[in-house]
Structure formats: structure tokens, C-alpha cells
Amino acid sequence: MDTTRVTRRARTALALATGTVLTAVVVQIPASATAPVAGHRTAAAAPIAPHSSHPVRAFDAASHGAASQGATPYDDTYYKDALGKTGPALKDSLHRIISTTQTGKLTYDEVWDALKDTDQDPANSANVILLYSGRSASKNANGSGPDDWNREHVWAKSHGDFGTGTGPGTDLHHLRPADVSVNSARGDKDFDKGGTEVAGAPGNFTDDDSFEPRDAVKGDVARMILYMAVRYDGGDGFPDLEPNDKVGNGTEPHIGKLSVLKQWSKQDPPDAFEKHRNQVIFDKYQHNRNPFIDHPEWVDAIW
């Protein structure tokens, strides 16, 4: 047992009892102090360590206690207008927040370099972690060859036909590096359970009309889809993206299955890699956040 943490908790409890004000302290966590997330990434990517220029933020016992109840360091600022709301009111508030703060918008070519940063392998700065396979691949292996990686639109761009122009087609919150061959197997299918295991990507399954990602990133996929549904509501000249509870949506601006995505979000809560990715996008690129990474409980509060 870490006696330092026990002592800190004891001091925290005493401070709370006596009314002492506790202040959150931002520290940089050394890689050796960051525990691996069981089963979430490949061996090459464990343990999940802070990005060299964007350290994962840790808080003292008081802040940790608040975080365990759903609070984040951004609640008093970024999310202040959304707190206490549910249903359509919460969705509308989050849409205003994440759309008005998205002051950085990329071209499709710029996405290549951004993904090399957002999805960098914590164990090897020359590599990225590929979404579906979990494989650690060279950053320079991006392209169109079968063993290369490319830019996967988790919300398939054909669902709403928004293409690759600046907007939903280049939004980093749903773009991830993926094996070219595995990306092809996913195609523009909706998400659901079952099918035949995908060659070269153990734990991923597909059939004629759906794709099931590996357990380690099921929640990542769900939260990316739901972010897109909140961010793009028919304004800005883009389609109104909405999840539904079916597969085979074709070119309609829908992706399913919502009931399955909600299960996946609970099954696979945000881990250090996903949280860090959200922070890098916020700090360096788009300057908006995926609220369902910060507040996973908002999934059920809206849907």
C-alpha cells in the first residue's frame, strides 16, 4: 500500500472536517507512476504514459474525490452552462459550447500530422496506436498500402455525405489512425455486436451491415459517435447527425445502434490514452472538447 496516499487522504479528511479549503494542485505524473490500463492497448502501448508536451493532469485527494463524483477541472469554466441540465436542454447547451469553442479547424491534409500527435504511442514516440487493431505503427507508414495506416472516419462520412472538407470530415474528435485493410473491412458499416472476426485485428467482428470493435476501444467509438451527434445539428451548412437504433442506415445522417453504443460507453470507460487525446485536441488543434470523455454520465442524461 502507498502510505503517502493514505497519509494524504487522512489529511484531506481532517481538513474537510475542520472546514479547511483545499486547493487542487496540478502535477506532472512521471511515466513510472502511471499504471497500465488492463486490456485496453497493445503491449507496445502499455503503460499509458503522459504525452511529452501535454502531461496528464493529476489532482490531490480533494480533487480526486470530486472527480469520482463526475466533476472535472473544466466544470467551473468550459462546462458551466451545461451543469445541472438533462435531455434536450443538456444536448443544446453542449452543442453551443463545443461548436463555439472550436476555433481551430483543419484541412484534410493537416489531419495526417495531427493524428501523429493525438494518437502517439506512449511507449514509442515514433509510432501511433491504430484504433481497431491496437497495433503500434510507424508514424511514417501512413498511406494507402494494405500494411499502411490511414484516416478512419469513425462516423462514416457517407452517413450524411459530408465528405472530407473542413468540418465533420476533418474533425479530430472522430478521426483515428487505422490499418488500411481493417478500415476497409469496417467500410461505412454501422456499429453492432457480432459477425466474423476481422483478419489481422483480433477481437473485431463484422458482418454484412455492422462492425464490432475490440473491447478495448468500444467506449472510445461510442463517445466519438455521440460527440458528432451533439456537435453537428444541421447548422454550419452540415447535416444533422443523429444516432438511431438500427443498422443499414446507408447515406442517411444516422449511425446505429444507439442502445449498443450506450452499453459500450459503460463497458469501456475513458482511459488515460483517450483522456490525453481529448486534451491534446483541446490544447493544440480544435480547442473544443469531447464532453462524453469528461462526463461519461451525460450519455444517459441525453439519450
C-alpha atoms as a PDB file:
ATOM      1  CA  MET A   1       0.000   0.000   0.000  1.00  0.00           C
ATOM      2  CA  ASP A   2       1.187   3.533  -0.758  1.00  0.00           C
ATOM      3  CA  THR A   3       1.452   5.090   2.705  1.00  0.00           C
ATOM      4  CA  THR A   4       1.917   8.543   1.160  1.00  0.00           C
ATOM      5  CA  ARG A   5      -1.540   8.343  -0.413  1.00  0.00           C
ATOM      6  CA  VAL A   6      -3.022   7.072   2.863  1.00  0.00           C
ATOM      7  CA  THR A   7      -1.482   9.976   4.743  1.00  0.00           C
ATOM      8  CA  ARG A   8      -2.753  12.435   2.139  1.00  0.00           C
ATOM      9  CA  ARG A   9      -6.272  11.040   2.422  1.00  0.00           C
ATOM     10  CA  ALA A  10      -6.098  11.311   6.197  1.00  0.00           C
ATOM     11  CA  ARG A  11      -5.023  14.932   5.923  1.00  0.00           C
ATOM     12  CA  THR A  12      -7.824  15.553   3.453  1.00  0.00           C
ATOM     13  CA  ALA A  13     -10.431  14.032   5.742  1.00  0.00           C
ATOM     14  CA  LEU A  14      -9.153  16.152   8.653  1.00  0.00           C
ATOM     15  CA  ALA A  15      -9.199  19.286   6.502  1.00  0.00           C
ATOM     16  CA  LEU A  16     -12.741  18.653   5.381  1.00  0.00           C
ATOM     17  CA  ALA A  17     -13.826  18.080   8.964  1.00  0.00           C
ATOM     18  CA  THR A  18     -12.318  21.382  10.104  1.00  0.00           C
ATOM     19  CA  GLY A  19     -13.540  23.400   7.130  1.00  0.00           C
ATOM     20  CA  THR A  20     -10.104  23.976   5.627  1.00  0.00           C
ATOM     21  CA  VAL A  21     -10.187  24.961   1.939  1.00  0.00           C
ATOM     22  CA  LEU A  22      -8.311  22.520  -0.251  1.00  0.00           C
ATOM     23  CA  THR A  23      -6.705  23.658  -3.483  1.00  0.00           C
ATOM     24  CA  ALA A  24      -6.160  21.357  -6.455  1.00  0.00           C
ATOM     25  CA  VAL A  25      -2.505  21.029  -7.379  1.00  0.00           C
ATOM     26  CA  VAL A  26      -1.504  20.297 -10.955  1.00  0.00           C
ATOM     27  CA  VAL A  27       1.462  17.977 -11.195  1.00  0.00           C
ATOM     28  CA  GLN A  28       3.188  16.067 -13.939  1.00  0.00           C
ATOM     29  CA  ILE A  29       2.961  12.336 -13.486  1.00  0.00           C
ATOM     30  CA  PRO A  30       6.193  10.519 -14.332  1.00  0.00           C
ATOM     31  CA  ALA A  31       5.736   7.604 -16.710  1.00  0.00           C
ATOM     32  CA  SER A  32       6.770   5.190 -13.968  1.00  0.00           C
ATOM     33  CA  ALA A  33       3.882   6.353 -11.803  1.00  0.00           C
ATOM     34  CA  THR A  34       1.160   5.802 -14.387  1.00  0.00           C
ATOM     35  CA  ALA A  35      -0.492   2.413 -14.109  1.00  0.00           C
ATOM     36  CA  PRO A  36      -1.315   0.496 -17.296  1.00  0.00           C
ATOM     37  CA  VAL A  37      -4.939   0.128 -18.267  1.00  0.00           C
ATOM     38  CA  ALA A  38      -5.655  -3.582 -18.269  1.00  0.00           C
ATOM     39  CA  GLY A  39      -6.540  -4.930 -21.659  1.00  0.00           C
ATOM     40  CA  HIS A  40      -7.013  -1.565 -23.346  1.00  0.00           C
ATOM     41  CA  ARG A  41      -3.942  -1.183 -25.517  1.00  0.00           C
ATOM     42  CA  THR A  42      -1.334  -3.396 -27.056  1.00  0.00           C
ATOM     43  CA  ALA A  43       1.734  -4.392 -25.056  1.00  0.00           C
ATOM     44  CA  ALA A  44       3.696  -1.815 -27.024  1.00  0.00           C
ATOM     45  CA  ALA A  45       1.486   0.953 -25.699  1.00  0.00           C
ATOM     46  CA  ALA A  46       1.490  -0.003 -22.017  1.00  0.00           C
ATOM     47  CA  PRO A  47       1.808   1.547 -19.583  1.00  0.00           C
ATOM     48  CA  ILE A  48      -0.114   4.616 -20.720  1.00  0.00           C
ATOM     49  CA  ALA A  49       2.253   7.495 -20.064  1.00  0.00           C
ATOM     50  CA  PRO A  50       1.734  11.251 -20.345  1.00  0.00           C
ATOM     51  CA  HIS A  51       2.456  12.890 -23.697  1.00  0.00           C
ATOM     52  CA  SER A  52       5.806  14.663 -23.537  1.00  0.00           C
ATOM     53  CA  SER A  53       4.380  18.136 -24.163  1.00  0.00           C
ATOM     54  CA  HIS A  54       0.934  17.617 -22.639  1.00  0.00           C
ATOM     55  CA  PRO A  55       1.219  15.905 -19.255  1.00  0.00           C
ATOM     56  CA  VAL A  56      -1.819  14.134 -17.901  1.00  0.00           C
ATOM     57  CA  ARG A  57      -3.178  16.271 -15.092  1.00  0.00           C
ATOM     58  CA  ALA A  58      -3.438  14.748 -11.635  1.00  0.00           C
ATOM     59  CA  PHE A  59      -5.135  16.242  -8.582  1.00  0.00           C
ATOM     60  CA  ASP A  60      -4.758  15.897  -4.859  1.00  0.00           C
ATOM     61  CA  ALA A  61      -7.131  13.811  -2.769  1.00  0.00           C
ATOM     62  CA  ALA A  62      -9.780  16.529  -2.598  1.00  0.00           C
ATOM     63  CA  SER A  63      -9.953  16.878  -6.374  1.00  0.00           C
ATOM     64  CA  HIS A  64      -9.795  13.116  -6.829  1.00  0.00           C
ATOM     65  CA  GLY A  65     -12.828  12.741  -4.630  1.00  0.00           C
ATOM     66  CA  ALA A  66     -14.701  15.326  -6.670  1.00  0.00           C
ATOM     67  CA  ALA A  67     -13.689  13.679  -9.928  1.00  0.00           C
ATOM     68  CA  SER A  68     -15.030  10.343  -8.753  1.00  0.00           C
ATOM     69  CA  GLN A  69     -18.441  12.017  -8.457  1.00  0.00           C
ATOM     70  CA  GLY A  70     -18.334  13.304 -12.065  1.00  0.00           C
ATOM     71  CA  ALA A  71     -16.671  16.698 -11.584  1.00  0.00           C
ATOM     72  CA  THR A  72     -13.844  17.847 -13.852  1.00  0.00           C
ATOM     73  CA  PRO A  73     -11.388  20.772 -13.745  1.00  0.00           C
ATOM     74  CA  TYR A  74     -13.414  22.353 -16.584  1.00  0.00           C
ATOM     75  CA  ASP A  75     -16.793  22.420 -14.852  1.00  0.00           C
ATOM     76  CA  ASP A  76     -16.458  25.953 -13.483  1.00  0.00           C
ATOM     77  CA  THR A  77     -15.363  27.316 -16.844  1.00  0.00           C
ATOM     78  CA  TYR A  78     -15.876  25.315 -20.025  1.00  0.00           C
ATOM     79  CA  TYR A  79     -18.977  23.348 -18.939  1.00  0.00           C
ATOM     80  CA  LYS A  80     -20.528  25.854 -16.541  1.00  0.00           C
ATOM     81  CA  ASP A  81     -23.577  26.483 -18.761  1.00  0.00           C
ATOM     82  CA  ALA A  82     -24.322  22.767 -19.083  1.00  0.00           C
ATOM     83  CA  LEU A  83     -24.207  21.713 -15.442  1.00  0.00           C
ATOM     84  CA  GLY A  84     -27.496  20.641 -13.915  1.00  0.00           C
ATOM     85  CA  LYS A  85     -29.232  20.090 -17.249  1.00  0.00           C
ATOM     86  CA  THR A  86     -30.531  16.888 -18.812  1.00  0.00           C
ATOM     87  CA  GLY A  87     -32.153  15.742 -22.037  1.00  0.00           C
ATOM     88  CA  PRO A  88     -32.537  18.195 -24.948  1.00  0.00           C
ATOM     89  CA  ALA A  89     -31.508  21.151 -22.760  1.00  0.00           C
ATOM     90  CA  LEU A  90     -28.184  19.481 -21.966  1.00  0.00           C
ATOM     91  CA  LYS A  91     -27.626  18.495 -25.584  1.00  0.00           C
ATOM     92  CA  ASP A  92     -28.356  22.018 -26.807  1.00  0.00           C
ATOM     93  CA  SER A  93     -26.065  23.548 -24.210  1.00  0.00           C
ATOM     94  CA  LEU A  94     -23.210  21.185 -25.072  1.00  0.00           C
ATOM     95  CA  HIS A  95     -23.692  21.884 -28.775  1.00  0.00           C
ATOM     96  CA  ARG A  96     -23.272  25.609 -28.182  1.00  0.00           C
ATOM     97  CA  ILE A  97     -20.190  25.025 -26.051  1.00  0.00           C
ATOM     98  CA  ILE A  98     -18.310  22.642 -28.335  1.00  0.00           C
ATOM     99  CA  SER A  99     -19.234  24.454 -31.562  1.00  0.00           C
ATOM    100  CA  THR A 100     -18.398  27.992 -30.433  1.00  0.00           C
ATOM    101  CA  THR A 101     -15.086  26.946 -28.866  1.00  0.00           C
ATOM    102  CA  GLN A 102     -13.972  25.015 -31.944  1.00  0.00           C
ATOM    103  CA  THR A 103     -11.810  27.843 -33.190  1.00  0.00           C
ATOM    104  CA  GLY A 104      -9.240  25.566 -34.790  1.00  0.00           C
ATOM    105  CA  LYS A 105     -10.397  23.758 -37.926  1.00  0.00           C
ATOM    106  CA  LEU A 106      -8.141  21.582 -40.045  1.00  0.00           C
ATOM    107  CA  THR A 107      -7.896  20.682 -43.692  1.00  0.00           C
ATOM    108  CA  TYR A 108      -7.916  17.001 -44.580  1.00  0.00           C
ATOM    109  CA  ASP A 109      -4.177  17.101 -45.358  1.00  0.00           C
ATOM    110  CA  GLU A 110      -3.460  18.645 -41.949  1.00  0.00           C
ATOM    111  CA  VAL A 111      -5.213  15.710 -40.287  1.00  0.00           C
ATOM    112  CA  TRP A 112      -2.262  13.425 -41.105  1.00  0.00           C
ATOM    113  CA  ASP A 113       0.181  15.333 -38.896  1.00  0.00           C
ATOM    114  CA  ALA A 114      -2.414  15.960 -36.199  1.00  0.00           C
ATOM    115  CA  LEU A 115      -3.101  12.224 -35.816  1.00  0.00           C
ATOM    116  CA  LYS A 116       0.619  11.579 -35.432  1.00  0.00           C
ATOM    117  CA  ASP A 117       0.390  13.774 -32.347  1.00  0.00           C
ATOM    118  CA  THR A 118      -3.017  12.892 -30.885  1.00  0.00           C
ATOM    119  CA  ASP A 119      -2.541   9.122 -31.235  1.00  0.00           C
ATOM    120  CA  GLN A 120       1.161   8.876 -30.492  1.00  0.00           C
ATOM    121  CA  ASP A 121       2.227   5.613 -28.884  1.00  0.00           C
ATOM    122  CA  PRO A 122       3.160   6.489 -25.269  1.00  0.00           C
ATOM    123  CA  ALA A 123       5.865   3.812 -25.367  1.00  0.00           C
ATOM    124  CA  ASN A 124       7.373   4.877 -28.694  1.00  0.00           C
ATOM    125  CA  SER A 125       7.190   8.497 -29.867  1.00  0.00           C
ATOM    126  CA  ALA A 126       7.974   7.425 -33.444  1.00  0.00           C
ATOM    127  CA  ASN A 127       4.741   5.418 -33.644  1.00  0.00           C
ATOM    128  CA  VAL A 128       0.976   5.792 -33.427  1.00  0.00           C
ATOM    129  CA  ILE A 129      -1.558   3.363 -31.960  1.00  0.00           C
ATOM    130  CA  LEU A 130      -4.054   2.117 -34.540  1.00  0.00           C
ATOM    131  CA  LEU A 131      -7.652   2.189 -33.374  1.00  0.00           C
ATOM    132  CA  TYR A 132      -9.109  -1.188 -34.273  1.00  0.00           C
ATOM    133  CA  SER A 133      -6.066  -3.462 -34.273  1.00  0.00           C
ATOM    134  CA  GLY A 134      -4.284  -1.766 -31.365  1.00  0.00           C
ATOM    135  CA  ARG A 135      -1.066  -2.159 -33.346  1.00  0.00           C
ATOM    136  CA  SER A 136       1.790   0.273 -32.836  1.00  0.00           C
ATOM    137  CA  ALA A 137       2.823   1.505 -36.293  1.00  0.00           C
ATOM    138  CA  SER A 138       5.418   3.928 -37.565  1.00  0.00           C
ATOM    139  CA  LYS A 139       4.124   7.467 -37.993  1.00  0.00           C
ATOM    140  CA  ASN A 140       5.707   7.422 -41.436  1.00  0.00           C
ATOM    141  CA  ALA A 141       3.724   4.341 -42.511  1.00  0.00           C
ATOM    142  CA  ASN A 142       0.655   6.402 -43.391  1.00  0.00           C
ATOM    143  CA  GLY A 143      -0.680   5.893 -46.883  1.00  0.00           C
ATOM    144  CA  SER A 144      -2.854   3.608 -48.956  1.00  0.00           C
ATOM    145  CA  GLY A 145      -0.897   0.331 -48.924  1.00  0.00           C
ATOM    146  CA  PRO A 146      -2.503  -2.709 -47.232  1.00  0.00           C
ATOM    147  CA  ASP A 147       0.002  -2.545 -44.374  1.00  0.00           C
ATOM    148  CA  ASP A 148      -0.157   1.230 -44.014  1.00  0.00           C
ATOM    149  CA  TRP A 149      -2.478   3.255 -41.799  1.00  0.00           C
ATOM    150  CA  ASN A 150      -4.980   5.827 -42.952  1.00  0.00           C
ATOM    151  CA  ARG A 151      -7.540   8.297 -41.591  1.00  0.00           C
ATOM    152  CA  GLU A 152     -10.583   6.453 -40.282  1.00  0.00           C
ATOM    153  CA  HIS A 153     -13.833   8.406 -40.028  1.00  0.00           C
ATOM    154  CA  VAL A 154     -15.462   6.693 -37.065  1.00  0.00           C
ATOM    155  CA  TRP A 155     -18.697   8.435 -38.043  1.00  0.00           C
ATOM    156  CA  ALA A 156     -18.534   7.192 -41.636  1.00  0.00           C
ATOM    157  CA  LYS A 157     -18.513  10.219 -43.915  1.00  0.00           C
ATOM    158  CA  SER A 158     -21.075   8.607 -46.243  1.00  0.00           C
ATOM    159  CA  HIS A 159     -23.626   8.749 -43.393  1.00  0.00           C
ATOM    160  CA  GLY A 160     -24.736  12.269 -44.205  1.00  0.00           C
ATOM    161  CA  ASP A 161     -22.400  12.579 -47.199  1.00  0.00           C
ATOM    162  CA  PHE A 162     -20.249  15.291 -45.625  1.00  0.00           C
ATOM    163  CA  GLY A 163     -17.046  14.276 -47.403  1.00  0.00           C
ATOM    164  CA  THR A 164     -13.558  15.386 -46.354  1.00  0.00           C
ATOM    165  CA  GLY A 165     -13.950  19.159 -46.483  1.00  0.00           C
ATOM    166  CA  THR A 166     -13.172  21.180 -43.367  1.00  0.00           C
ATOM    167  CA  GLY A 167     -15.928  20.431 -40.875  1.00  0.00           C
ATOM    168  CA  PRO A 168     -17.202  16.997 -39.825  1.00  0.00           C
ATOM    169  CA  GLY A 169     -14.919  15.430 -42.434  1.00  0.00           C
ATOM    170  CA  THR A 170     -11.835  16.757 -40.632  1.00  0.00           C
ATOM    171  CA  ASP A 171     -12.998  16.798 -37.015  1.00  0.00           C
ATOM    172  CA  LEU A 172     -10.244  15.153 -34.969  1.00  0.00           C
ATOM    173  CA  HIS A 173     -12.654  14.012 -32.286  1.00  0.00           C
ATOM    174  CA  HIS A 174     -13.800  11.190 -34.575  1.00  0.00           C
ATOM    175  CA  LEU A 175     -10.774  10.700 -36.836  1.00  0.00           C
ATOM    176  CA  ARG A 176      -8.330   7.987 -35.812  1.00  0.00           C
ATOM    177  CA  PRO A 177      -5.415   6.168 -37.446  1.00  0.00           C
ATOM    178  CA  ALA A 178      -6.414   2.663 -38.535  1.00  0.00           C
ATOM    179  CA  ASP A 179      -4.927  -0.179 -40.560  1.00  0.00           C
ATOM    180  CA  VAL A 180      -5.867   0.297 -44.206  1.00  0.00           C
ATOM    181  CA  SER A 181      -7.122  -3.285 -44.520  1.00  0.00           C
ATOM    182  CA  VAL A 182      -9.103  -3.162 -41.267  1.00  0.00           C
ATOM    183  CA  ASN A 183     -10.541   0.226 -42.193  1.00  0.00           C
ATOM    184  CA  SER A 184     -11.670  -1.337 -45.461  1.00  0.00           C
ATOM    185  CA  ALA A 185     -13.354  -4.177 -43.563  1.00  0.00           C
ATOM    186  CA  ARG A 186     -15.248  -1.633 -41.481  1.00  0.00           C
ATOM    187  CA  GLY A 187     -16.142   0.467 -44.517  1.00  0.00           C
ATOM    188  CA  ASP A 188     -19.176   2.602 -43.727  1.00  0.00           C
ATOM    189  CA  LYS A 189     -20.982  -0.003 -41.635  1.00  0.00           C
ATOM    190  CA  ASP A 190     -22.965   0.845 -38.549  1.00  0.00           C
ATOM    191  CA  PHE A 191     -21.841  -0.462 -35.165  1.00  0.00           C
ATOM    192  CA  ASP A 192     -23.382  -3.546 -33.583  1.00  0.00           C
ATOM    193  CA  LYS A 193     -22.428  -6.831 -31.970  1.00  0.00           C
ATOM    194  CA  GLY A 194     -21.379  -9.989 -33.760  1.00  0.00           C
ATOM    195  CA  GLY A 195     -20.104 -11.262 -37.067  1.00  0.00           C
ATOM    196  CA  THR A 196     -16.884 -12.912 -38.201  1.00  0.00           C
ATOM    197  CA  GLU A 197     -13.550 -11.936 -36.672  1.00  0.00           C
ATOM    198  CA  VAL A 198     -11.628  -9.459 -38.829  1.00  0.00           C
ATOM    199  CA  ALA A 199      -8.366 -10.771 -40.277  1.00  0.00           C
ATOM    200  CA  GLY A 200      -5.370  -9.040 -38.718  1.00  0.00           C
ATOM    201  CA  ALA A 201      -7.444  -7.445 -35.974  1.00  0.00           C
ATOM    202  CA  PRO A 202      -8.339  -9.980 -33.256  1.00  0.00           C
ATOM    203  CA  GLY A 203     -11.379  -9.012 -31.209  1.00  0.00           C
ATOM    204  CA  ASN A 204     -13.014  -7.052 -34.033  1.00  0.00           C
ATOM    205  CA  PHE A 205     -16.010  -8.604 -35.802  1.00  0.00           C
ATOM    206  CA  THR A 206     -18.005  -7.735 -38.893  1.00  0.00           C
ATOM    207  CA  ASP A 207     -20.947  -8.933 -40.948  1.00  0.00           C
ATOM    208  CA  ASP A 208     -22.866  -7.554 -43.923  1.00  0.00           C
ATOM    209  CA  ASP A 209     -24.169  -4.439 -42.224  1.00  0.00           C
ATOM    210  CA  SER A 210     -22.285  -3.859 -38.958  1.00  0.00           C
ATOM    211  CA  PHE A 211     -18.893  -3.724 -37.297  1.00  0.00           C
ATOM    212  CA  GLU A 212     -17.921  -4.514 -33.708  1.00  0.00           C
ATOM    213  CA  PRO A 213     -14.610  -3.033 -32.479  1.00  0.00           C
ATOM    214  CA  ARG A 214     -12.419  -4.764 -29.916  1.00  0.00           C
ATOM    215  CA  ASP A 215     -13.450  -4.432 -26.269  1.00  0.00           C
ATOM    216  CA  ALA A 216     -10.589  -2.056 -25.520  1.00  0.00           C
ATOM    217  CA  VAL A 217     -11.984   0.729 -27.712  1.00  0.00           C
ATOM    218  CA  LYS A 218     -15.721   0.105 -27.684  1.00  0.00           C
ATOM    219  CA  GLY A 219     -16.269   3.080 -25.388  1.00  0.00           C
ATOM    220  CA  ASP A 220     -13.954   5.276 -27.475  1.00  0.00           C
ATOM    221  CA  VAL A 221     -16.060   4.531 -30.555  1.00  0.00           C
ATOM    222  CA  ALA A 222     -19.327   5.220 -28.731  1.00  0.00           C
ATOM    223  CA  ARG A 223     -18.157   8.557 -27.327  1.00  0.00           C
ATOM    224  CA  MET A 224     -16.830   9.689 -30.720  1.00  0.00           C
ATOM    225  CA  ILE A 225     -20.170   8.917 -32.371  1.00  0.00           C
ATOM    226  CA  LEU A 226     -22.125  10.746 -29.675  1.00  0.00           C
ATOM    227  CA  TYR A 227     -19.792  13.749 -29.835  1.00  0.00           C
ATOM    228  CA  MET A 228     -20.552  14.038 -33.553  1.00  0.00           C
ATOM    229  CA  ALA A 229     -24.288  13.897 -32.878  1.00  0.00           C
ATOM    230  CA  VAL A 230     -24.022  16.842 -30.484  1.00  0.00           C
ATOM    231  CA  ARG A 231     -21.519  18.885 -32.478  1.00  0.00           C
ATOM    232  CA  TYR A 232     -23.302  18.714 -35.855  1.00  0.00           C
ATOM    233  CA  ASP A 233     -27.009  19.509 -35.559  1.00  0.00           C
ATOM    234  CA  GLY A 234     -27.851  20.814 -39.012  1.00  0.00           C
ATOM    235  CA  GLY A 235     -26.197  24.210 -38.656  1.00  0.00           C
ATOM    236  CA  ASP A 236     -22.961  25.404 -40.287  1.00  0.00           C
ATOM    237  CA  GLY A 237     -24.203  24.009 -43.604  1.00  0.00           C
ATOM    238  CA  PHE A 238     -23.646  20.429 -42.428  1.00  0.00           C
ATOM    239  CA  PRO A 239     -26.186  17.621 -41.968  1.00  0.00           C
ATOM    240  CA  ASP A 240     -27.940  16.964 -38.669  1.00  0.00           C
ATOM    241  CA  LEU A 241     -26.134  13.858 -37.417  1.00  0.00           C
ATOM    242  CA  GLU A 242     -28.097  11.610 -35.062  1.00  0.00           C
ATOM    243  CA  PRO A 243     -27.593   8.059 -33.808  1.00  0.00           C
ATOM    244  CA  ASN A 244     -30.502   5.649 -34.061  1.00  0.00           C
ATOM    245  CA  ASP A 245     -31.166   2.079 -33.002  1.00  0.00           C
ATOM    246  CA  LYS A 246     -30.768   0.257 -36.283  1.00  0.00           C
ATOM    247  CA  VAL A 247     -28.097  -0.754 -38.776  1.00  0.00           C
ATOM    248  CA  GLY A 248     -28.051  -0.359 -42.541  1.00  0.00           C
ATOM    249  CA  ASN A 249     -28.514   3.411 -42.419  1.00  0.00           C
ATOM    250  CA  GLY A 250     -26.800   3.932 -45.757  1.00  0.00           C
ATOM    251  CA  THR A 251     -26.367   7.586 -46.711  1.00  0.00           C
ATOM    252  CA  GLU A 252     -28.844   8.867 -44.143  1.00  0.00           C
ATOM    253  CA  PRO A 253     -27.177  11.086 -41.477  1.00  0.00           C
ATOM    254  CA  HIS A 254     -27.583   8.366 -38.864  1.00  0.00           C
ATOM    255  CA  ILE A 255     -25.456   5.648 -37.284  1.00  0.00           C
ATOM    256  CA  GLY A 256     -26.591   2.813 -35.037  1.00  0.00           C
ATOM    257  CA  LYS A 257     -27.074   1.065 -32.849  1.00  0.00           C
ATOM    258  CA  LEU A 258     -27.614   3.627 -30.134  1.00  0.00           C
ATOM    259  CA  SER A 259     -28.550   1.040 -27.491  1.00  0.00           C
ATOM    260  CA  VAL A 260     -25.335  -0.871 -28.194  1.00  0.00           C
ATOM    261  CA  LEU A 261     -23.207   2.286 -28.202  1.00  0.00           C
ATOM    262  CA  LYS A 262     -24.601   3.217 -24.795  1.00  0.00           C
ATOM    263  CA  GLN A 263     -23.673  -0.227 -23.471  1.00  0.00           C
ATOM    264  CA  TRP A 264     -20.168   0.124 -24.879  1.00  0.00           C
ATOM    265  CA  SER A 265     -19.661   3.511 -23.262  1.00  0.00           C
ATOM    266  CA  LYS A 266     -20.414   1.989 -19.853  1.00  0.00           C
ATOM    267  CA  GLN A 267     -18.432  -1.175 -20.538  1.00  0.00           C
ATOM    268  CA  ASP A 268     -15.287   0.718 -21.570  1.00  0.00           C
ATOM    269  CA  PRO A 269     -14.998   3.998 -19.627  1.00  0.00           C
ATOM    270  CA  PRO A 270     -12.451   6.649 -20.676  1.00  0.00           C
ATOM    271  CA  ASP A 271      -8.859   5.653 -20.003  1.00  0.00           C
ATOM    272  CA  ALA A 272      -5.665   7.721 -19.827  1.00  0.00           C
ATOM    273  CA  PHE A 273      -4.978   7.450 -23.562  1.00  0.00           C
ATOM    274  CA  GLU A 274      -8.437   8.689 -24.521  1.00  0.00           C
ATOM    275  CA  LYS A 275      -8.387  11.491 -21.946  1.00  0.00           C
ATOM    276  CA  HIS A 276      -4.949  12.589 -23.063  1.00  0.00           C
ATOM    277  CA  ARG A 277      -6.071  12.617 -26.687  1.00  0.00           C
ATOM    278  CA  ASN A 278      -9.010  14.855 -25.754  1.00  0.00           C
ATOM    279  CA  GLN A 279      -6.607  17.226 -24.021  1.00  0.00           C
ATOM    280  CA  VAL A 280      -4.223  17.443 -26.983  1.00  0.00           C
ATOM    281  CA  ILE A 281      -7.079  18.272 -29.357  1.00  0.00           C
ATOM    282  CA  PHE A 282      -8.277  20.938 -26.923  1.00  0.00           C
ATOM    283  CA  ASP A 283      -4.847  22.451 -26.266  1.00  0.00           C
ATOM    284  CA  LYS A 284      -3.266  22.351 -29.731  1.00  0.00           C
ATOM    285  CA  TYR A 285      -5.778  21.877 -32.504  1.00  0.00           C
ATOM    286  CA  GLN A 286      -9.527  22.479 -32.282  1.00  0.00           C
ATOM    287  CA  HIS A 287      -9.789  23.998 -28.781  1.00  0.00           C
ATOM    288  CA  ASN A 288     -13.021  22.150 -28.068  1.00  0.00           C
ATOM    289  CA  ARG A 289     -13.572  19.007 -26.035  1.00  0.00           C
ATOM    290  CA  ASN A 290     -15.496  15.749 -26.289  1.00  0.00           C
ATOM    291  CA  PRO A 291     -17.869  16.169 -23.323  1.00  0.00           C
ATOM    292  CA  PHE A 292     -18.565  12.438 -23.064  1.00  0.00           C
ATOM    293  CA  ILE A 293     -14.925  11.758 -22.232  1.00  0.00           C
ATOM    294  CA  ASP A 294     -15.050  14.337 -19.440  1.00  0.00           C
ATOM    295  CA  HIS A 295     -18.565  13.354 -18.329  1.00  0.00           C
ATOM    296  CA  PRO A 296     -19.496   9.820 -19.469  1.00  0.00           C
ATOM    297  CA  GLU A 297     -22.676  10.048 -17.391  1.00  0.00           C
ATOM    298  CA  TRP A 298     -24.016  12.622 -19.852  1.00  0.00           C
ATOM    299  CA  VAL A 299     -24.608   9.811 -22.369  1.00  0.00           C
ATOM    300  CA  ASP A 300     -27.563   8.535 -20.351  1.00  0.00           C
ATOM    301  CA  ALA A 301     -28.575  12.072 -19.375  1.00  0.00           C
ATOM    302  CA  ILE A 302     -29.215  12.870 -23.056  1.00  0.00           C
ATOM    303  CA  TRP A 303     -30.170   9.534 -24.595  1.00  0.00           C
END
